[in-house]
Amino acid sequence: MKIKSECCLDKEKVMSMLSKITLFGGFEKNNLQDLLDNLSEIHIEKGQVIFKEGDSPTDIYIVLEGRAEFFLNGEKFLDIEPGFSMAETAVLGIQKHVFTAIAATDMDLLVLSKKKLMELFHENKDVFSLLILNMARELARGVALFGDHKHIYTSMEKKKIEKK
């Protein structure tokens, strides 16, 4: 994974995208800016594993560009496109990843590391609290929609599955 330089990040475009993701629902512009200041941007090449089933979670990912495929027990079950987040429930639950994510195309991702998440806890309780609340809501929606072994889905992903 290659860390991209900050100069390449179109902050207005990213802020607009973040405001449309349910994980960041209810965030005011200043909260989104505070969150953006804690995110890094990485580039993933096609075919690269983003995270693997059984690994401990280290980061929350937001897809800026490209597409990822999710595999459970080696079987593909979902595509993720720009505007989707990944791994937030694994980070929140401090559990191992239950699926594997692989870049189907070259990708640009925003990353919120567990370390940065904990820094938010200490430095910006408003942003941290709202993010954790939204993560819990996404987890609750996923459990209600798919049962507890498929809690990895979000309401946005459910809409995508229904279209197939």
Protein backbone atom coordinates (compact mmCIF):
# COMPACT_ATOMS: atom_id res chain seq x y z
CA MET A 1 0.00 0.00 0.00
CA LYS A 2 1.29 3.39 -0.91
CA ILE A 3 0.53 6.44 1.21
CA LYS A 4 -0.51 9.30 -1.04
CA SER A 5 0.64 12.82 -0.36
CA GLU A 6 -1.80 15.30 1.15
CA CYS A 7 -1.45 17.64 -1.84
CA CYS A 8 -3.31 15.17 -4.03
CA LEU A 9 -6.40 15.03 -1.81
CA ASP A 10 -9.29 17.14 -3.08
CA LYS A 11 -10.69 18.03 0.35
CA GLU A 12 -13.93 19.57 -0.93
CA LYS A 13 -14.70 16.50 -3.05
CA VAL A 14 -13.89 14.21 -0.13
CA MET A 15 -15.98 16.29 2.31
CA SER A 16 -18.91 16.06 -0.10
CA MET A 17 -18.53 12.27 -0.35
CA LEU A 18 -18.17 11.82 3.41
CA SER A 19 -21.34 13.80 4.06
CA LYS A 20 -23.31 11.25 1.99
CA ILE A 21 -22.01 8.14 3.80
CA THR A 22 -24.27 6.86 6.57
CA LEU A 23 -21.23 6.29 8.79
CA PHE A 24 -20.85 10.07 8.90
CA GLY A 25 -24.53 10.97 9.17
CA GLY A 26 -25.25 13.98 11.36
CA PHE A 27 -21.73 15.37 11.08
CA GLU A 28 -21.52 19.15 10.76
CA LYS A 29 -18.99 20.56 8.29
CA ASN A 30 -16.52 21.37 11.07
CA ASN A 31 -16.87 17.80 12.44
CA LEU A 32 -16.17 16.38 8.97
CA GLN A 33 -13.12 18.62 8.70
CA ASP A 34 -11.86 17.41 12.08
CA LEU A 35 -12.39 13.83 10.96
CA LEU A 36 -10.70 14.45 7.60
CA ASP A 37 -7.66 15.77 9.46
CA ASN A 38 -7.33 12.31 11.04
CA LEU A 39 -7.61 10.33 7.81
CA SER A 40 -4.79 9.30 5.52
CA GLU A 41 -5.12 8.45 1.85
CA ILE A 42 -3.62 5.29 0.39
CA HIS A 43 -3.43 3.75 -3.06
CA ILE A 44 -4.06 0.03 -3.51
CA GLU A 45 -3.21 -1.77 -6.74
CA LYS A 46 -5.59 -4.19 -8.44
CA GLY A 47 -5.40 -7.65 -6.88
CA GLN A 48 -3.93 -6.48 -3.59
CA VAL A 49 -5.51 -7.78 -0.38
CA ILE A 50 -6.88 -4.91 1.70
CA PHE A 51 -7.61 -7.14 4.69
CA LYS A 52 -7.94 -10.87 5.13
CA GLU A 53 -10.40 -13.15 6.89
CA GLY A 54 -8.97 -14.01 10.31
CA ASP A 55 -6.69 -10.97 10.55
CA SER A 56 -7.06 -8.50 13.40
CA PRO A 57 -8.58 -5.20 12.23
CA THR A 58 -6.30 -2.19 12.16
CA ASP A 59 -8.17 0.36 10.08
CA ILE A 60 -11.50 1.63 8.82
CA TYR A 61 -11.50 2.23 5.05
CA ILE A 62 -13.58 4.58 2.90
CA VAL A 63 -13.48 3.97 -0.85
CA LEU A 64 -12.72 7.14 -2.84
CA GLU A 65 -11.98 5.50 -6.20
CA GLY A 66 -12.09 1.96 -7.49
CA ARG A 67 -13.85 -1.21 -6.48
CA ALA A 68 -13.22 -4.00 -3.95
CA GLU A 69 -14.60 -7.51 -3.85
CA PHE A 70 -15.51 -9.26 -0.60
CA PHE A 71 -14.98 -12.98 -0.13
CA LEU A 72 -16.30 -15.23 2.62
CA ASN A 73 -14.73 -18.68 2.85
CA GLY A 74 -13.22 -18.07 -0.61
CA GLU A 75 -16.57 -17.23 -2.24
CA LYS A 76 -17.24 -13.74 -3.61
CA PHE A 77 -20.39 -12.22 -2.17
CA LEU A 78 -20.21 -8.44 -2.56
CA ASP A 79 -18.66 -5.55 -4.52
CA ILE A 80 -17.85 -2.27 -2.80
CA GLU A 81 -17.63 0.98 -4.78
CA PRO A 82 -16.76 4.63 -4.07
CA GLY A 83 -18.63 6.07 -1.12
CA PHE A 84 -18.69 2.82 0.87
CA SER A 85 -16.89 2.17 4.12
CA MET A 86 -15.27 -1.11 5.14
CA ALA A 87 -14.18 -2.79 8.37
CA GLU A 88 -15.81 -0.37 10.79
CA THR A 89 -17.72 -3.09 12.62
CA ALA A 90 -14.59 -5.25 12.98
CA VAL A 91 -12.69 -2.31 14.48
CA LEU A 92 -15.58 -1.46 16.79
CA GLY A 93 -16.06 -5.06 17.88
CA ILE A 94 -12.33 -5.74 18.28
CA GLN A 95 -12.90 -8.99 16.42
CA LYS A 96 -11.03 -10.64 13.61
CA HIS A 97 -12.16 -9.93 10.06
CA VAL A 98 -14.84 -12.40 8.99
CA PHE A 99 -14.18 -11.90 5.29
CA THR A 100 -11.44 -10.91 2.85
CA ALA A 101 -11.42 -7.68 0.81
CA ILE A 102 -9.40 -7.58 -2.41
CA ALA A 103 -8.97 -4.64 -4.78
CA ALA A 104 -10.83 -5.49 -8.00
CA THR A 105 -9.35 -2.35 -9.59
CA ASP A 106 -6.70 0.15 -8.59
CA MET A 107 -8.16 1.96 -5.59
CA ASP A 108 -7.77 5.13 -3.57
CA LEU A 109 -8.91 4.76 0.03
CA LEU A 110 -9.21 6.99 3.04
CA VAL A 111 -8.01 5.26 6.19
CA LEU A 112 -8.87 5.88 9.82
CA SER A 113 -6.48 3.82 11.91
CA LYS A 114 -7.40 2.45 15.33
CA LYS A 115 -4.66 4.68 16.73
CA LYS A 116 -6.26 7.80 15.18
CA LEU A 117 -9.68 6.64 16.40
CA MET A 118 -8.30 6.51 19.95
CA GLU A 119 -6.70 9.94 19.49
CA LEU A 120 -10.16 11.25 18.55
CA PHE A 121 -11.47 9.76 21.79
CA HIS A 122 -8.98 11.84 23.76
CA GLU A 123 -8.95 14.99 21.61
CA ASN A 124 -12.42 15.42 20.11
CA LYS A 125 -15.22 13.73 22.04
CA ASP A 126 -17.92 15.18 19.75
CA VAL A 127 -16.49 13.62 16.58
CA PHE A 128 -15.60 10.38 18.35
CA SER A 129 -19.03 10.03 19.95
CA LEU A 130 -20.94 10.69 16.75
CA LEU A 131 -18.72 8.28 14.80
CA ILE A 132 -19.18 5.51 17.40
CA LEU A 133 -22.94 6.15 17.49
CA ASN A 134 -23.13 5.83 13.69
CA MET A 135 -21.00 2.69 13.75
CA ALA A 136 -23.34 1.16 16.34
CA ARG A 137 -26.36 2.11 14.23
CA GLU A 138 -24.83 0.50 11.13
CA LEU A 139 -24.07 -2.63 13.12
CA ALA A 140 -27.64 -2.74 14.47
CA ARG A 141 -29.08 -2.30 10.95
CA GLY A 142 -26.90 -5.09 9.65
CA VAL A 143 -27.90 -7.47 12.43
CA ALA A 144 -31.58 -6.66 11.90
CA LEU A 145 -31.30 -7.19 8.14
CA PHE A 146 -29.03 -10.20 7.90
CA GLY A 147 -28.73 -11.90 11.27
CA ASP A 148 -25.72 -11.84 13.51
CA HIS A 149 -23.36 -13.84 11.25
CA LYS A 150 -23.75 -11.33 8.41
CA HIS A 151 -23.48 -8.11 10.44
CA ILE A 152 -20.86 -6.84 8.02
CA TYR A 153 -23.42 -5.29 5.71
CA THR A 154 -24.61 -1.70 5.97
CA SER A 155 -27.92 -0.29 4.83
CA MET A 156 -26.21 1.14 1.72
CA GLU A 157 -24.88 -2.30 0.85
CA LYS A 158 -28.35 -3.83 1.35
CA LYS A 159 -29.73 -1.55 -1.36
CA LYS A 160 -26.96 -2.67 -3.70
CA ILE A 161 -27.68 -6.36 -3.00
CA GLU A 162 -31.39 -5.87 -3.64
CA LYS A 163 -30.62 -4.48 -7.13
CA LYS A 164 -28.82 -7.70 -8.16
